[in-house]
Amino acid sequence: MRPGILICCLLLAAATVAGCGSTATADSVVITHVDISKRASDLILDAGDIGGLYVVVDGDTGMDHLSDVIRHDSPKTKALERREWQSGYHALYASPNNDGVLTDVSVFRSEDAAATVSVAWARQMARQYHGARVPASAPNLQHVTVIRARIPSSSGSHTGYWIQWVHGRVIAQILAVGGSGTVQGVQQLAQAQDGRITNSE
């Protein structure tokens, strides 16, 4: 899933959980189960990994589509994605405290393709959201990028942290705002998600 779509979904999270049309509550987590190739849905965080009162936002959880993946990419990157991208899945979690976490994976046919596309996505994230790269302390993760992003909204600018890394043929991303929206917070979530990817192998 592309960074711009990630952020648009995340900014809707707090309002959704606060009661603007969501059916999810702290006592009743409703998860969309979508069976897709390569089981990308098994490679993302669940609410238990995040902790607290996070619940899934049903309308913003599900499989990715190639049309979203390639949006805004350069012609060269689009051509590579059309050849190599296989599947993807994303899940949005939110809490009543206006916190949000969006987790996403994309599965490619080859490790080289995943590594190449990850560079393009990191550049786009930094450019589109005036992001500043910050040092990452996650030695077991490969091709890691952590960005502090300024996210505009109708209520003002929000600071969020985005982490992306590559695990074999998988590009994984997490975007967090609020309680988990710190360098340490997104790195801890990334370690948890990478464990899920490892266990699926």
C-alpha atoms as a PDB file:
ATOM      1  CA  MET A   1       0.000   0.000   0.000  1.00  0.00           C
ATOM      2  CA  ARG A   2       1.294   3.424  -0.895  1.00  0.00           C
ATOM      3  CA  PRO A   3       2.323   5.920   1.813  1.00  0.00           C
ATOM      4  CA  GLY A   4      -0.307   8.492   0.848  1.00  0.00           C
ATOM      5  CA  ILE A   5      -3.122   5.977   1.196  1.00  0.00           C
ATOM      6  CA  LEU A   6      -1.683   4.805   4.516  1.00  0.00           C
ATOM      7  CA  ILE A   7      -1.842   8.314   5.921  1.00  0.00           C
ATOM      8  CA  CYS A   8      -5.331   9.081   4.627  1.00  0.00           C
ATOM      9  CA  CYS A   9      -6.605   5.934   6.338  1.00  0.00           C
ATOM     10  CA  LEU A  10      -4.799   6.704   9.569  1.00  0.00           C
ATOM     11  CA  LEU A  11      -6.226  10.214   9.895  1.00  0.00           C
ATOM     12  CA  LEU A  12      -9.730   8.741   9.805  1.00  0.00           C
ATOM     13  CA  ALA A  13      -8.990   6.261  12.572  1.00  0.00           C
ATOM     14  CA  ALA A  14      -9.615   8.315  15.690  1.00  0.00           C
ATOM     15  CA  ALA A  15     -12.903   9.756  14.460  1.00  0.00           C
ATOM     16  CA  THR A  16     -14.077   6.330  13.380  1.00  0.00           C
ATOM     17  CA  VAL A  17     -13.430   4.718  16.758  1.00  0.00           C
ATOM     18  CA  ALA A  18     -14.942   7.701  18.533  1.00  0.00           C
ATOM     19  CA  GLY A  19     -18.272   6.745  17.002  1.00  0.00           C
ATOM     20  CA  CYS A  20     -18.457   8.161  13.507  1.00  0.00           C
ATOM     21  CA  GLY A  21     -19.921   5.090  11.886  1.00  0.00           C
ATOM     22  CA  SER A  22     -17.660   2.321  13.196  1.00  0.00           C
ATOM     23  CA  THR A  23     -18.992  -0.972  14.512  1.00  0.00           C
ATOM     24  CA  ALA A  24     -15.772  -1.768  16.372  1.00  0.00           C
ATOM     25  CA  THR A  25     -15.573  -1.328  20.134  1.00  0.00           C
ATOM     26  CA  ALA A  26     -12.995  -2.097  22.795  1.00  0.00           C
ATOM     27  CA  ASP A  27     -15.003  -5.181  23.757  1.00  0.00           C
ATOM     28  CA  SER A  28     -15.777  -6.414  20.262  1.00  0.00           C
ATOM     29  CA  VAL A  29     -13.022  -6.507  17.672  1.00  0.00           C
ATOM     30  CA  VAL A  30     -14.363  -7.148  14.187  1.00  0.00           C
ATOM     31  CA  ILE A  31     -11.668  -8.359  11.797  1.00  0.00           C
ATOM     32  CA  THR A  32     -12.071  -8.736   8.071  1.00  0.00           C
ATOM     33  CA  HIS A  33     -10.670 -12.076   6.890  1.00  0.00           C
ATOM     34  CA  VAL A  34      -9.648 -12.052   3.237  1.00  0.00           C
ATOM     35  CA  ASP A  35      -8.050 -15.135   1.708  1.00  0.00           C
ATOM     36  CA  ILE A  36      -5.409 -13.955  -0.769  1.00  0.00           C
ATOM     37  CA  SER A  37      -2.399 -15.507  -2.420  1.00  0.00           C
ATOM     38  CA  LYS A  38       0.802 -15.920  -0.436  1.00  0.00           C
ATOM     39  CA  ARG A  39      -1.153 -15.337   2.785  1.00  0.00           C
ATOM     40  CA  ALA A  40      -0.139 -11.693   3.106  1.00  0.00           C
ATOM     41  CA  SER A  41      -2.902 -11.368   5.691  1.00  0.00           C
ATOM     42  CA  ASP A  42      -0.832 -13.546   8.047  1.00  0.00           C
ATOM     43  CA  LEU A  43       2.105 -11.134   7.953  1.00  0.00           C
ATOM     44  CA  ILE A  44       0.598  -8.088   9.656  1.00  0.00           C
ATOM     45  CA  LEU A  45       0.173  -7.051  13.272  1.00  0.00           C
ATOM     46  CA  ASP A  46      -2.977  -7.867  15.173  1.00  0.00           C
ATOM     47  CA  ALA A  47      -4.535  -5.862  17.996  1.00  0.00           C
ATOM     48  CA  GLY A  48      -2.813  -7.992  20.628  1.00  0.00           C
ATOM     49  CA  ASP A  49       0.603  -7.049  19.245  1.00  0.00           C
ATOM     50  CA  ILE A  50      -0.160  -3.370  19.768  1.00  0.00           C
ATOM     51  CA  GLY A  51      -1.792  -3.653  23.189  1.00  0.00           C
ATOM     52  CA  GLY A  52      -3.995  -1.159  24.981  1.00  0.00           C
ATOM     53  CA  LEU A  53      -7.516  -0.493  23.722  1.00  0.00           C
ATOM     54  CA  TYR A  54      -6.733  -0.679  20.035  1.00  0.00           C
ATOM     55  CA  VAL A  55      -9.434  -2.138  17.827  1.00  0.00           C
ATOM     56  CA  VAL A  56      -9.470  -2.868  14.135  1.00  0.00           C
ATOM     57  CA  VAL A  57     -11.184  -0.369  11.825  1.00  0.00           C
ATOM     58  CA  ASP A  58     -13.077  -2.754   9.606  1.00  0.00           C
ATOM     59  CA  GLY A  59     -13.596  -0.482   6.626  1.00  0.00           C
ATOM     60  CA  ASP A  60      -9.872   0.197   6.318  1.00  0.00           C
ATOM     61  CA  THR A  61      -8.669  -3.376   6.698  1.00  0.00           C
ATOM     62  CA  GLY A  62      -8.319  -5.747   3.773  1.00  0.00           C
ATOM     63  CA  MET A  63      -6.293  -6.724   0.758  1.00  0.00           C
ATOM     64  CA  ASP A  64      -4.328  -4.238  -1.317  1.00  0.00           C
ATOM     65  CA  HIS A  65      -4.832  -3.766  -5.038  1.00  0.00           C
ATOM     66  CA  LEU A  66      -2.178  -3.199  -7.657  1.00  0.00           C
ATOM     67  CA  SER A  67      -3.835   0.054  -8.736  1.00  0.00           C
ATOM     68  CA  ASP A  68      -3.205   1.449  -5.234  1.00  0.00           C
ATOM     69  CA  VAL A  69       0.302   0.027  -5.014  1.00  0.00           C
ATOM     70  CA  ILE A  70       1.538   1.718  -8.190  1.00  0.00           C
ATOM     71  CA  ARG A  71      -0.234   5.045  -7.711  1.00  0.00           C
ATOM     72  CA  HIS A  72       2.113   8.058  -7.966  1.00  0.00           C
ATOM     73  CA  ASP A  73       5.151   5.888  -8.694  1.00  0.00           C
ATOM     74  CA  SER A  74       7.536   6.594 -11.546  1.00  0.00           C
ATOM     75  CA  PRO A  75       7.020   4.739 -14.835  1.00  0.00           C
ATOM     76  CA  LYS A  76      10.116   2.635 -14.143  1.00  0.00           C
ATOM     77  CA  THR A  77       8.889   1.622 -10.684  1.00  0.00           C
ATOM     78  CA  LYS A  78       5.378   0.941 -11.980  1.00  0.00           C
ATOM     79  CA  ALA A  79       6.754  -1.414 -14.603  1.00  0.00           C
ATOM     80  CA  LEU A  80       8.686  -3.329 -11.955  1.00  0.00           C
ATOM     81  CA  GLU A  81       5.652  -3.505  -9.648  1.00  0.00           C
ATOM     82  CA  ARG A  82       3.418  -4.803 -12.433  1.00  0.00           C
ATOM     83  CA  ARG A  83       5.882  -7.625 -13.095  1.00  0.00           C
ATOM     84  CA  GLU A  84       6.836  -8.491  -9.544  1.00  0.00           C
ATOM     85  CA  TRP A  85       4.079  -7.548  -7.062  1.00  0.00           C
ATOM     86  CA  GLN A  86       1.987 -10.545  -5.999  1.00  0.00           C
ATOM     87  CA  SER A  87      -0.252  -9.584  -3.091  1.00  0.00           C
ATOM     88  CA  GLY A  88      -0.696  -7.236  -0.178  1.00  0.00           C
ATOM     89  CA  TYR A  89      -2.755  -6.672   2.940  1.00  0.00           C
ATOM     90  CA  HIS A  90      -3.277  -3.808   5.388  1.00  0.00           C
ATOM     91  CA  ALA A  91      -4.973  -3.327   8.735  1.00  0.00           C
ATOM     92  CA  LEU A  92      -5.843  -0.128  10.566  1.00  0.00           C
ATOM     93  CA  TYR A  93      -6.096  -0.059  14.358  1.00  0.00           C
ATOM     94  CA  ALA A  94      -7.288   2.858  16.472  1.00  0.00           C
ATOM     95  CA  SER A  95      -7.925   3.675  20.115  1.00  0.00           C
ATOM     96  CA  PRO A  96     -10.378   6.016  21.879  1.00  0.00           C
ATOM     97  CA  ASN A  97      -7.333   8.145  22.795  1.00  0.00           C
ATOM     98  CA  ASN A  98      -6.913   9.326  19.189  1.00  0.00           C
ATOM     99  CA  ASP A  99      -4.023   6.926  18.596  1.00  0.00           C
ATOM    100  CA  GLY A 100      -3.689   5.035  15.336  1.00  0.00           C
ATOM    101  CA  VAL A 101      -1.511   2.287  13.890  1.00  0.00           C
ATOM    102  CA  LEU A 102      -1.592   1.187  10.262  1.00  0.00           C
ATOM    103  CA  THR A 103       0.279  -1.971   9.259  1.00  0.00           C
ATOM    104  CA  ASP A 104       0.843  -3.120   5.701  1.00  0.00           C
ATOM    105  CA  VAL A 105       2.733  -5.776   3.724  1.00  0.00           C
ATOM    106  CA  SER A 106       3.402  -6.308   0.044  1.00  0.00           C
ATOM    107  CA  VAL A 107       4.708  -9.619  -1.275  1.00  0.00           C
ATOM    108  CA  PHE A 108       6.898  -9.650  -4.408  1.00  0.00           C
ATOM    109  CA  ARG A 109       8.152 -12.420  -6.646  1.00  0.00           C
ATOM    110  CA  SER A 110      11.803 -11.772  -5.825  1.00  0.00           C
ATOM    111  CA  GLU A 111      13.924 -10.301  -3.042  1.00  0.00           C
ATOM    112  CA  ASP A 112      15.679  -7.962  -5.483  1.00  0.00           C
ATOM    113  CA  ALA A 113      12.359  -6.464  -6.562  1.00  0.00           C
ATOM    114  CA  ALA A 114      11.253  -5.899  -2.968  1.00  0.00           C
ATOM    115  CA  ALA A 115      14.527  -4.165  -2.104  1.00  0.00           C
ATOM    116  CA  THR A 116      14.382  -1.939  -5.189  1.00  0.00           C
ATOM    117  CA  VAL A 117      10.757  -0.889  -4.705  1.00  0.00           C
ATOM    118  CA  SER A 118      11.341  -0.175  -1.014  1.00  0.00           C
ATOM    119  CA  VAL A 119      13.853   2.544  -1.933  1.00  0.00           C
ATOM    120  CA  ALA A 120      11.302   4.262  -4.186  1.00  0.00           C
ATOM    121  CA  TRP A 121       8.580   4.094  -1.537  1.00  0.00           C
ATOM    122  CA  ALA A 122      10.852   5.557   1.155  1.00  0.00           C
ATOM    123  CA  ARG A 123      11.757   8.484  -1.103  1.00  0.00           C
ATOM    124  CA  GLN A 124       8.098   9.140  -1.865  1.00  0.00           C
ATOM    125  CA  MET A 125       7.154   9.112   1.815  1.00  0.00           C
ATOM    126  CA  ALA A 126       9.880  11.601   2.715  1.00  0.00           C
ATOM    127  CA  ARG A 127       9.038  13.903  -0.184  1.00  0.00           C
ATOM    128  CA  GLN A 128       5.251  13.866   0.086  1.00  0.00           C
ATOM    129  CA  TYR A 129       5.037  14.426   3.842  1.00  0.00           C
ATOM    130  CA  HIS A 130       8.088  16.632   4.434  1.00  0.00           C
ATOM    131  CA  GLY A 131       9.606  13.741   6.288  1.00  0.00           C
ATOM    132  CA  ALA A 132      12.904  13.681   8.100  1.00  0.00           C
ATOM    133  CA  ARG A 133      14.802  10.418   8.258  1.00  0.00           C
ATOM    134  CA  VAL A 134      15.783   9.415  11.770  1.00  0.00           C
ATOM    135  CA  PRO A 135      18.316   6.786  12.884  1.00  0.00           C
ATOM    136  CA  ALA A 136      16.949   3.282  13.310  1.00  0.00           C
ATOM    137  CA  SER A 137      18.135   0.848  15.975  1.00  0.00           C
ATOM    138  CA  ALA A 138      16.757  -2.404  14.609  1.00  0.00           C
ATOM    139  CA  PRO A 139      19.835  -4.440  13.662  1.00  0.00           C
ATOM    140  CA  ASN A 140      17.905  -7.583  12.716  1.00  0.00           C
ATOM    141  CA  LEU A 141      15.773  -5.752  10.123  1.00  0.00           C
ATOM    142  CA  GLN A 142      16.976  -5.248   6.556  1.00  0.00           C
ATOM    143  CA  HIS A 143      16.733  -2.118   4.365  1.00  0.00           C
ATOM    144  CA  VAL A 144      15.179  -0.162   7.239  1.00  0.00           C
ATOM    145  CA  THR A 145      13.910   3.404   6.880  1.00  0.00           C
ATOM    146  CA  VAL A 146      12.343   5.405   9.726  1.00  0.00           C
ATOM    147  CA  ILE A 147      10.748   8.754   8.903  1.00  0.00           C
ATOM    148  CA  ARG A 148       9.210  11.423  11.116  1.00  0.00           C
ATOM    149  CA  ALA A 149       6.357  12.800   9.019  1.00  0.00           C
ATOM    150  CA  ARG A 150       4.248  15.918   9.292  1.00  0.00           C
ATOM    151  CA  ILE A 151       0.696  14.894   8.509  1.00  0.00           C
ATOM    152  CA  PRO A 152      -1.758  17.709   7.669  1.00  0.00           C
ATOM    153  CA  SER A 153      -5.414  17.449   8.634  1.00  0.00           C
ATOM    154  CA  SER A 154      -8.402  19.702   9.265  1.00  0.00           C
ATOM    155  CA  SER A 155      -7.501  19.806  12.968  1.00  0.00           C
ATOM    156  CA  GLY A 156      -3.899  20.823  12.339  1.00  0.00           C
ATOM    157  CA  SER A 157      -0.610  19.116  11.689  1.00  0.00           C
ATOM    158  CA  HIS A 158       0.130  15.772  13.341  1.00  0.00           C
ATOM    159  CA  THR A 159       3.498  14.115  13.846  1.00  0.00           C
ATOM    160  CA  GLY A 160       3.689  10.443  12.976  1.00  0.00           C
ATOM    161  CA  TYR A 161       6.454   7.904  12.610  1.00  0.00           C
ATOM    162  CA  TRP A 162       6.711   5.540   9.673  1.00  0.00           C
ATOM    163  CA  ILE A 163       8.984   2.523   9.460  1.00  0.00           C
ATOM    164  CA  GLN A 164       9.596   0.351   6.441  1.00  0.00           C
ATOM    165  CA  TRP A 165      11.819  -2.692   6.065  1.00  0.00           C
ATOM    166  CA  VAL A 166      12.346  -5.655   3.764  1.00  0.00           C
ATOM    167  CA  HIS A 167      12.148  -9.296   4.831  1.00  0.00           C
ATOM    168  CA  GLY A 168      13.019 -11.510   1.903  1.00  0.00           C
ATOM    169  CA  ARG A 169      10.307 -10.914  -0.710  1.00  0.00           C
ATOM    170  CA  VAL A 170       8.161  -8.847   1.669  1.00  0.00           C
ATOM    171  CA  ILE A 171       8.059  -5.080   2.125  1.00  0.00           C
ATOM    172  CA  ALA A 172       6.508  -4.247   5.498  1.00  0.00           C
ATOM    173  CA  GLN A 173       5.365  -0.818   6.683  1.00  0.00           C
ATOM    174  CA  ILE A 174       3.956   0.585   9.894  1.00  0.00           C
ATOM    175  CA  LEU A 175       2.674   4.124  10.411  1.00  0.00           C
ATOM    176  CA  ALA A 176       1.802   5.266  13.946  1.00  0.00           C
ATOM    177  CA  VAL A 177       0.333   8.430  15.442  1.00  0.00           C
ATOM    178  CA  GLY A 178      -0.259   9.004  19.148  1.00  0.00           C
ATOM    179  CA  GLY A 179       0.889   6.647  21.875  1.00  0.00           C
ATOM    180  CA  SER A 180       2.808   4.345  19.540  1.00  0.00           C
ATOM    181  CA  GLY A 181       3.893   7.221  17.309  1.00  0.00           C
ATOM    182  CA  THR A 182       7.497   7.408  18.522  1.00  0.00           C
ATOM    183  CA  VAL A 183      10.760   6.098  17.130  1.00  0.00           C
ATOM    184  CA  GLN A 184      10.914   3.451  19.833  1.00  0.00           C
ATOM    185  CA  GLY A 185       7.241   2.619  19.451  1.00  0.00           C
ATOM    186  CA  VAL A 186       7.300   1.924  15.708  1.00  0.00           C
ATOM    187  CA  GLN A 187      10.530  -0.046  16.019  1.00  0.00           C
ATOM    188  CA  GLN A 188       9.013  -2.271  18.686  1.00  0.00           C
ATOM    189  CA  LEU A 189       5.964  -2.854  16.507  1.00  0.00           C
ATOM    190  CA  ALA A 190       8.229  -3.618  13.565  1.00  0.00           C
ATOM    191  CA  GLN A 191      10.032  -6.273  15.590  1.00  0.00           C
ATOM    192  CA  ALA A 192       6.692  -7.875  16.443  1.00  0.00           C
ATOM    193  CA  GLN A 193       5.524  -7.826  12.838  1.00  0.00           C
ATOM    194  CA  ASP A 194       8.841  -9.168  11.563  1.00  0.00           C
ATOM    195  CA  GLY A 195       8.425 -12.065  13.969  1.00  0.00           C
ATOM    196  CA  ARG A 196       5.117 -12.893  12.311  1.00  0.00           C
ATOM    197  CA  ILE A 197       6.780 -12.829   8.893  1.00  0.00           C
ATOM    198  CA  THR A 198       9.549 -15.131  10.154  1.00  0.00           C
ATOM    199  CA  ASN A 199       7.034 -17.567  11.643  1.00  0.00           C
ATOM    200  CA  SER A 200       5.186 -17.783   8.333  1.00  0.00           C
ATOM    201  CA  GLU A 201       8.230 -19.036   6.442  1.00  0.00           C
END
